Structures are given as C-alpha cells and as structure tokens.
Amino acid sequence: MTQFNLSLPIRAGIVGTGFAAKLRAETLQADTRSHLMAVSGHTPETTQDFATKYDAFAIDSWQQLVEHPDLDLVIICTINRDHSAIAHAALKANKHVVVEYPLSLNPAEAEALIALAEAKGKLLHVEHIELLGGLHQALRQSLPEIGNVFYTRYVTIFPQRPAPRRWTYNHEQFGFPFSGAVSRIHRLTDLFGKVASVSCQSRFWEDDDYYTACLCTAQLRFNNGIIAEVTYAKGEAFWQTLRNFEVHGEQGTLLFEGDEGSLIRGEERTPIEVGGRRGLFAKDTGMVLDYLVEGTPLYVSSAASCYALKVADGLRQSAETGKVVLIG
C-alpha cells in the first residue's frame, strides 16, 4: 500500500529545461518507480531537444502540462517569478508538486499554496538541497563542539564577467536576492531557529531591465540571542569568489572556507571532513519518490521553507525602508 495509493510508475512532467531539470529527468529516467512523460520549456526547439533526449513528449506551455490528465507529479524548474502560479495551477489540477526554491516570492502566497496542498491531500515539496549538502551536515554535527553559539557570519560572493543577461540578474524574474537565493537564509533558520528582527542594505549596478551586479548585506537577530551577518553578492563588480561560513561559540569557532572546514580553539586547528555536493538533486528526487511510494519522511517541510521566505521578505522591506523589521 502506497502513501497516496499511486499506481507505479509515477508519471511525471517537468516545467523547465535547465540544469536542475536535466538532473531531475536523469533521476526519473533511472528509477523504475517513475516515468518522465512530458516537458514544457521556454523555447520550442530547446523543449523538443530535451524531450527527445529523455524520451518524453514536448508540451507547448506549462498551463497545458499541469492540466494533462495522465500526470501524477509536476516538477517546477523554471524562473523564480513563475513558481507560485505554476504550483497553484498544478495543485488545482490535483497533481503532486515539487518546486525548486523559492516556493513563491511572496510569503503570503507561499502560505496559501501550503494550505491548498493540505486541502487537496497532495505533496508540495520545496527543494532545499543545501540542507542535504556536506557543508551543512558537517556544520550541524560540529556545533556541539563549540558550546553556546553567539555569532555567525555567512558570505557568498560570485564574480561573473560579463554578467549574463539572464533571469538570475532580473529584479522581477529572480526576486529580491535574499528571496531568490533563500537558501542562505534557510540554512541559518534551520540551524538557529526563529528570528526576532532583521536589517538589510542592498546595492544594484543597473543595466536597463537587468543589473550587472548586486550586493546585499544583512543582520539577523535570533530569538535565542544569536547574531548573524549574511552577505550575498554576484556580478561584474566583484573579483574574488568567496564562500565562507563561520560560527563562533563560547568553546570554539567553526570555519568553513569553500569545501574545507576547521574547528578552531586558539592555536589549535582541527580539520573537519566536508562531504561533496554532487548528486544532491538526484538524492532529493529519490527522497520525493520514497515519500510518495513508501511514506518515508522528507528532510524539509514546506512550512520551514515558507518561514525562511518570511525572513527574506523582511530583509527586502528593511533594504527598501532603511528600518529594522520585526519578524516574530
């Protein structure tokens, strides 16, 4: 007996033809419990090539795909702006839904989608593979070593020259950077809990409808007193890649630079083994199938994802008003 009384294989459709969509398609194709039936994309030629490669059929629009009567599951791998509308239509059409983060750029819309999924008795899973990654797992396992945490700093800077004129550099399509890249915030809320207040500053290097670089820097104060500083930046204005995460506790410091981790106590520096990041989309997809077929719990809840979005939207409000925003 399956969790949702689904007949196998589970028939899936994908909205999108990019990197994440390809990894999803490969996993669905390789797992006997699933069958990729259909795909829709931005351009007919790319969609047809994708469909041919993965032995699926191309559909002209996502609106048609979500209404297809033979599909059980819709996987959304397209621009951030459209996630909410596609998820809503798919749930209304009684499909299970998997969506890459963010679920929506509007926390209220995200909450409404979660309520709709519950009312329909359907899965609504928001991918957050950073929680499955080696860095997050190593960090979580190492936290007891440093005692009471009081401060953390998380910096990700990605130079791109020239900056691509793609949706990831478009205000409307990507969203406010901490919302579009909500994994930065979700990693912190997963580790440290509820947030009391936030403040944020942002700067964009504009170029018509797109920007060539962005810089967002924020401070979060958690209910437990922990203070976090987060920086997210990308584009032509930057020259050095940084991916650093440090956590300071009363008995030591955890420092992760790229894929290398250390526990630091004075002059003593102990290496921390950090697992790789490869295969996480496949792992996420496999866990979705496990849940649908066997009822195995997933690694993240939609409610937790929605809360991270709420915090990220508070950062947007702070950047726009120059004021501290209370989260609660």
Protein backbone atom coordinates (compact mmCIF):
# COMPACT_ATOMS: atom_id res chain seq x y z
CA MET A 1 0.00 0.00 0.00
CA THR A 2 1.47 3.35 -1.02
CA GLN A 3 1.24 6.67 0.83
CA PHE A 4 -1.09 8.16 -1.79
CA ASN A 5 -2.37 5.00 -3.49
CA LEU A 6 -0.43 5.87 -6.63
CA SER A 7 0.00 3.34 -9.39
CA LEU A 8 3.59 2.75 -10.40
CA PRO A 9 5.42 4.09 -12.20
CA ILE A 10 4.63 7.63 -11.05
CA ARG A 11 4.05 9.71 -14.17
CA ALA A 12 5.91 12.99 -14.02
CA GLY A 13 6.08 16.20 -16.02
CA ILE A 14 8.80 18.85 -15.79
CA VAL A 15 8.42 22.58 -16.33
CA GLY A 16 11.83 23.83 -17.44
CA THR A 17 14.79 22.56 -19.43
CA GLY A 18 17.77 23.96 -17.49
CA PHE A 19 20.39 22.40 -15.24
CA ALA A 20 18.07 21.31 -12.43
CA ALA A 21 15.52 19.96 -14.91
CA LYS A 22 18.17 17.79 -16.57
CA LEU A 23 19.26 16.30 -13.26
CA ARG A 24 15.64 15.63 -12.32
CA ALA A 25 14.99 14.00 -15.70
CA GLU A 26 18.02 11.73 -15.37
CA THR A 27 16.89 10.53 -11.94
CA LEU A 28 13.29 9.96 -13.02
CA GLN A 29 14.53 8.05 -16.04
CA ALA A 30 16.83 5.84 -13.96
CA ASP A 31 14.30 4.98 -11.22
CA THR A 32 11.82 2.19 -12.01
CA ARG A 33 9.22 3.84 -9.76
CA SER A 34 8.91 6.86 -12.04
CA HIS A 35 8.41 7.74 -15.68
CA LEU A 36 9.07 11.14 -17.20
CA MET A 37 6.18 11.65 -19.59
CA ALA A 38 6.19 15.33 -20.56
CA VAL A 39 8.17 18.55 -20.52
CA SER A 40 7.43 22.20 -21.25
CA GLY A 41 10.02 24.94 -21.66
CA HIS A 42 10.73 28.48 -22.73
CA THR A 43 11.52 27.82 -26.38
CA PRO A 44 10.03 25.12 -28.66
CA GLU A 45 13.40 23.99 -30.05
CA THR A 46 15.05 23.54 -26.66
CA THR A 47 11.95 21.84 -25.26
CA GLN A 48 11.82 19.38 -28.16
CA ASP A 49 15.52 18.56 -27.82
CA PHE A 50 15.06 17.97 -24.08
CA ALA A 51 12.00 15.80 -24.64
CA THR A 52 13.75 13.72 -27.29
CA LYS A 53 16.82 13.18 -25.09
CA TYR A 54 14.73 11.89 -22.18
CA ASP A 55 12.13 10.00 -24.20
CA ALA A 56 9.27 12.31 -23.20
CA PHE A 57 6.90 14.41 -25.26
CA ALA A 58 7.05 18.19 -25.53
CA ILE A 59 4.09 20.33 -24.47
CA ASP A 60 3.68 23.89 -25.69
CA SER A 61 3.05 25.56 -22.33
CA TRP A 62 3.17 24.89 -18.61
CA GLN A 63 -0.56 25.63 -18.48
CA GLN A 64 -1.19 22.65 -20.73
CA LEU A 65 1.28 20.45 -18.89
CA VAL A 66 -0.28 20.87 -15.44
CA GLU A 67 -3.71 20.04 -16.86
CA HIS A 68 -2.54 16.82 -18.54
CA PRO A 69 -4.82 14.07 -17.22
CA ASP A 70 -2.15 11.35 -17.19
CA LEU A 71 0.36 13.11 -14.93
CA ASP A 72 0.67 12.39 -11.21
CA LEU A 73 3.55 14.74 -10.41
CA VAL A 74 4.67 18.16 -11.68
CA ILE A 75 8.26 19.29 -11.08
CA ILE A 76 8.85 23.04 -11.44
CA CYS A 77 12.35 24.05 -12.57
CA THR A 78 11.82 27.45 -14.14
CA ILE A 79 12.29 31.13 -13.25
CA ASN A 80 11.52 32.16 -9.67
CA ARG A 81 8.74 34.59 -10.61
CA ASP A 82 6.58 31.79 -12.06
CA HIS A 83 6.93 29.18 -9.31
CA SER A 84 3.85 30.25 -7.39
CA ALA A 85 1.48 30.42 -10.37
CA ILE A 86 2.57 27.03 -11.72
CA ALA A 87 2.37 25.36 -8.31
CA HIS A 88 -1.11 26.79 -7.75
CA ALA A 89 -2.36 25.56 -11.13
CA ALA A 90 -0.83 22.11 -10.62
CA LEU A 91 -2.38 21.69 -7.17
CA LYS A 92 -5.74 22.86 -8.51
CA ALA A 93 -5.38 20.15 -11.16
CA ASN A 94 -4.82 17.59 -8.37
CA LYS A 95 -1.14 16.99 -9.07
CA HIS A 96 1.63 16.41 -6.56
CA VAL A 97 4.17 19.24 -6.81
CA VAL A 98 7.92 19.55 -6.43
CA VAL A 99 9.37 23.05 -6.87
CA GLU A 100 12.88 24.44 -6.69
CA TYR A 101 13.19 27.17 -4.08
CA PRO A 102 11.67 29.68 -3.63
CA LEU A 103 8.10 28.41 -3.50
CA SER A 104 7.00 31.99 -4.12
CA LEU A 105 8.49 35.46 -3.95
CA ASN A 106 5.56 36.41 -1.70
CA PRO A 107 5.35 34.69 1.73
CA ALA A 108 1.55 35.10 1.86
CA GLU A 109 1.23 33.30 -1.49
CA ALA A 110 3.51 30.56 -0.18
CA GLU A 111 1.29 30.08 2.88
CA ALA A 112 -1.79 29.88 0.65
CA LEU A 113 -0.12 27.22 -1.51
CA ILE A 114 0.72 25.13 1.55
CA ALA A 115 -2.89 25.36 2.70
CA LEU A 116 -4.13 24.39 -0.78
CA ALA A 117 -1.85 21.33 -0.87
CA GLU A 118 -3.15 20.22 2.53
CA ALA A 119 -6.76 20.73 1.41
CA LYS A 120 -6.13 18.72 -1.76
CA GLY A 121 -4.21 15.99 0.06
CA LYS A 122 -1.23 16.48 -2.26
CA LEU A 123 2.51 16.69 -1.76
CA LEU A 124 4.03 20.16 -2.02
CA HIS A 125 7.78 19.78 -1.66
CA VAL A 126 10.18 22.71 -1.92
CA GLU A 127 13.72 21.63 -2.78
CA HIS A 128 16.40 22.83 -0.37
CA ILE A 129 19.38 20.67 -1.28
CA GLU A 130 21.78 22.87 0.70
CA LEU A 131 20.39 21.13 3.81
CA LEU A 132 21.49 17.78 2.36
CA GLY A 133 24.97 19.01 1.38
CA GLY A 134 28.22 18.09 3.05
CA LEU A 135 28.89 21.55 4.46
CA HIS A 136 25.55 21.84 6.24
CA GLN A 137 25.74 18.32 7.61
CA ALA A 138 29.31 18.82 8.85
CA LEU A 139 28.37 22.15 10.42
CA ARG A 140 25.35 20.72 12.18
CA GLN A 141 27.32 17.75 13.52
CA SER A 142 30.13 20.01 14.74
CA LEU A 143 28.00 22.60 16.57
CA PRO A 144 28.12 20.79 19.96
CA GLU A 145 31.93 21.16 19.90
CA ILE A 146 31.82 24.95 20.30
CA GLY A 147 29.27 25.29 23.11
CA ASN A 148 26.78 28.18 23.16
CA VAL A 149 26.75 29.92 19.78
CA PHE A 150 26.54 33.73 19.85
CA TYR A 151 27.64 34.92 16.39
CA THR A 152 27.75 33.60 12.82
CA ARG A 153 28.83 35.11 9.50
CA TYR A 154 27.95 33.71 6.09
CA VAL A 155 29.43 35.21 2.91
CA THR A 156 28.88 34.12 -0.69
CA ILE A 157 30.35 36.23 -3.49
CA PHE A 158 30.29 35.10 -7.13
CA PRO A 159 32.11 37.23 -9.71
CA GLN A 160 30.68 36.95 -13.23
CA ARG A 161 32.23 38.89 -16.08
CA PRO A 162 30.41 39.69 -18.17
CA ALA A 163 27.22 39.31 -16.16
CA PRO A 164 24.71 37.26 -18.16
CA ARG A 165 21.54 38.95 -19.33
CA ARG A 166 19.52 36.15 -17.80
CA TRP A 167 16.63 35.91 -15.39
CA THR A 168 19.03 35.48 -12.46
CA TYR A 169 20.02 39.15 -12.97
CA ASN A 170 16.48 40.47 -13.38
CA HIS A 171 14.59 42.04 -10.47
CA GLU A 172 11.16 40.75 -11.46
CA GLN A 173 12.17 37.26 -12.55
CA PHE A 174 14.69 36.44 -9.80
CA GLY A 175 13.20 38.49 -6.97
CA PHE A 176 14.96 40.30 -4.15
CA PRO A 177 18.30 38.45 -3.85
CA PHE A 178 17.73 37.04 -0.36
CA SER A 179 14.32 35.75 -1.53
CA GLY A 180 15.53 34.42 -4.86
CA ALA A 181 18.52 32.82 -3.13
CA VAL A 182 16.59 31.98 0.03
CA SER A 183 18.83 29.01 0.77
CA ARG A 184 21.23 31.43 2.53
CA ILE A 185 18.51 32.35 5.00
CA HIS A 186 17.06 28.87 5.29
CA ARG A 187 20.44 27.42 6.22
CA LEU A 188 20.54 29.82 9.19
CA THR A 189 16.95 29.29 10.34
CA ASP A 190 17.43 25.53 10.10
CA LEU A 191 20.46 25.74 12.40
CA PHE A 192 19.46 28.51 14.80
CA GLY A 193 15.65 28.72 14.85
CA LYS A 194 13.30 31.69 14.88
CA VAL A 195 14.36 35.23 14.05
CA ALA A 196 13.37 38.25 16.15
CA SER A 197 14.44 41.11 13.87
CA VAL A 198 16.38 41.85 10.69
CA SER A 199 18.08 44.76 8.94
CA CYS A 200 19.47 44.88 5.43
CA GLN A 201 21.21 47.10 2.88
CA SER A 202 21.43 46.44 -0.84
CA ARG A 203 23.02 47.94 -3.93
CA PHE A 204 22.48 47.13 -7.61
CA TRP A 205 24.51 48.06 -10.66
CA GLU A 206 21.67 48.61 -13.13
CA ASP A 207 21.62 47.98 -16.89
CA ASP A 208 18.11 48.54 -18.33
CA ASP A 209 15.86 45.67 -17.25
CA TYR A 210 18.82 43.75 -15.84
CA TYR A 211 21.58 44.51 -13.38
CA THR A 212 25.24 43.66 -13.86
CA ALA A 213 25.96 43.16 -10.15
CA CYS A 214 24.25 43.14 -6.78
CA LEU A 215 25.37 43.37 -3.18
CA CYS A 216 23.10 42.54 -0.25
CA THR A 217 24.31 42.51 3.32
CA ALA A 218 22.08 41.74 6.28
CA GLN A 219 21.99 41.28 10.03
CA LEU A 220 19.64 38.85 11.77
CA ARG A 221 18.99 38.65 15.49
CA PHE A 222 17.55 35.31 16.55
CA ASN A 223 15.16 34.77 19.45
CA ASN A 224 17.93 32.90 21.29
CA GLY A 225 20.24 35.93 21.07
CA ILE A 226 22.47 34.72 18.23
CA ILE A 227 23.51 37.47 15.82
CA ALA A 228 24.08 36.54 12.18
CA GLU A 229 25.60 38.57 9.37
CA VAL A 230 24.90 37.44 5.81
CA THR A 231 26.34 38.75 2.55
CA TYR A 232 25.20 37.73 -0.92
CA ALA A 233 26.85 39.30 -3.95
CA LYS A 234 27.38 38.48 -7.60
CA GLY A 235 28.29 40.00 -10.93
CA GLU A 236 30.82 42.22 -12.66
CA ALA A 237 31.67 44.44 -9.69
CA PHE A 238 33.42 41.57 -7.86
CA TRP A 239 36.78 39.95 -8.47
CA GLN A 240 37.21 37.31 -5.78
CA THR A 241 35.00 34.28 -5.17
CA LEU A 242 34.16 33.74 -1.50
CA ARG A 243 32.10 31.01 0.11
CA ASN A 244 32.78 31.30 3.82
CA PHE A 245 30.73 30.29 6.83
CA GLU A 246 31.94 30.89 10.36
CA VAL A 247 30.18 30.12 13.64
CA HIS A 248 31.51 31.42 16.94
CA GLY A 249 30.71 29.69 20.22
CA GLU A 250 31.92 30.07 23.77
CA GLN A 251 34.15 27.00 23.39
CA GLY A 252 35.49 27.43 19.87
CA THR A 253 34.93 28.57 16.29
CA LEU A 254 33.80 26.62 13.25
CA LEU A 255 35.22 27.93 9.99
CA PHE A 256 34.26 26.65 6.55
CA GLU A 257 36.09 28.11 3.56
CA GLY A 258 34.77 26.62 0.35
CA ASP A 259 34.71 22.87 0.96
CA GLU A 260 37.28 22.89 3.77
CA GLY A 261 36.25 23.00 7.41
CA SER A 262 38.08 23.58 10.68
CA LEU A 263 37.38 23.63 14.41
CA ILE A 264 39.50 26.40 15.93
CA ARG A 265 40.44 26.79 19.59
CA GLY A 266 43.27 29.29 19.98
CA GLU A 267 46.35 27.92 18.21
CA GLU A 268 44.70 24.52 17.83
CA ARG A 269 43.08 23.93 14.42
CA THR A 270 41.34 20.58 13.80
CA PRO A 271 40.20 19.70 10.25
CA ILE A 272 36.53 18.87 9.70
CA GLU A 273 35.66 16.50 6.90
CA VAL A 274 33.14 18.02 4.50
CA GLY A 275 31.21 15.82 2.08
CA GLY A 276 30.69 16.76 -1.55
CA ARG A 277 27.80 18.50 -3.27
CA ARG A 278 27.41 16.18 -6.22
CA GLY A 279 24.24 14.17 -6.66
CA LEU A 280 22.00 16.25 -4.40
CA PHE A 281 19.23 16.86 -6.96
CA ALA A 282 19.15 13.11 -7.58
CA LYS A 283 19.01 12.49 -3.81
CA ASP A 284 16.18 15.00 -3.42
CA THR A 285 14.23 13.41 -6.29
CA GLY A 286 14.75 9.94 -4.85
CA MET A 287 13.50 11.09 -1.45
CA VAL A 288 10.36 12.50 -3.09
CA LEU A 289 9.70 9.12 -4.69
CA ASP A 290 10.36 7.40 -1.35
CA TYR A 291 7.79 9.67 0.26
CA LEU A 292 5.15 9.18 -2.41
CA VAL A 293 5.59 5.41 -2.57
CA GLU A 294 6.53 4.41 0.98
CA GLY A 295 5.63 7.42 3.12
CA THR A 296 9.25 7.94 4.18
CA PRO A 297 9.57 11.40 5.80
CA LEU A 298 11.18 14.15 3.76
CA TYR A 299 14.17 16.14 5.01
CA VAL A 300 12.43 19.54 4.97
CA SER A 301 8.91 20.86 5.40
CA SER A 302 7.11 23.44 3.29
CA ALA A 303 6.38 25.36 6.48
CA ALA A 304 10.11 25.68 7.25
CA SER A 305 10.75 26.86 3.70
CA CYS A 306 7.94 29.39 3.99
CA TYR A 307 9.37 30.74 7.26
CA ALA A 308 12.74 31.35 5.58
CA LEU A 309 10.86 33.26 2.86
CA LYS A 310 9.18 35.38 5.53
CA VAL A 311 12.57 36.30 6.97
CA ALA A 312 13.94 37.05 3.49
CA ASP A 313 10.98 39.30 2.74
CA GLY A 314 11.65 41.14 5.98
CA LEU A 315 15.15 41.79 4.66
CA ARG A 316 13.65 43.18 1.45
CA GLN A 317 11.43 45.52 3.46
CA SER A 318 14.41 46.68 5.53
CA ALA A 319 16.51 47.35 2.41
CA GLU A 320 13.68 49.42 0.93
CA THR A 321 12.83 51.42 4.08
CA GLY A 322 16.15 51.60 5.93
CA LYS A 323 14.41 50.36 9.09
CA VAL A 324 14.78 47.33 11.33
CA VAL A 325 11.96 44.86 10.66
CA LEU A 326 10.49 42.65 13.39
CA ILE A 327 9.86 39.05 12.31
CA GLY A 328 8.45 37.19 15.30
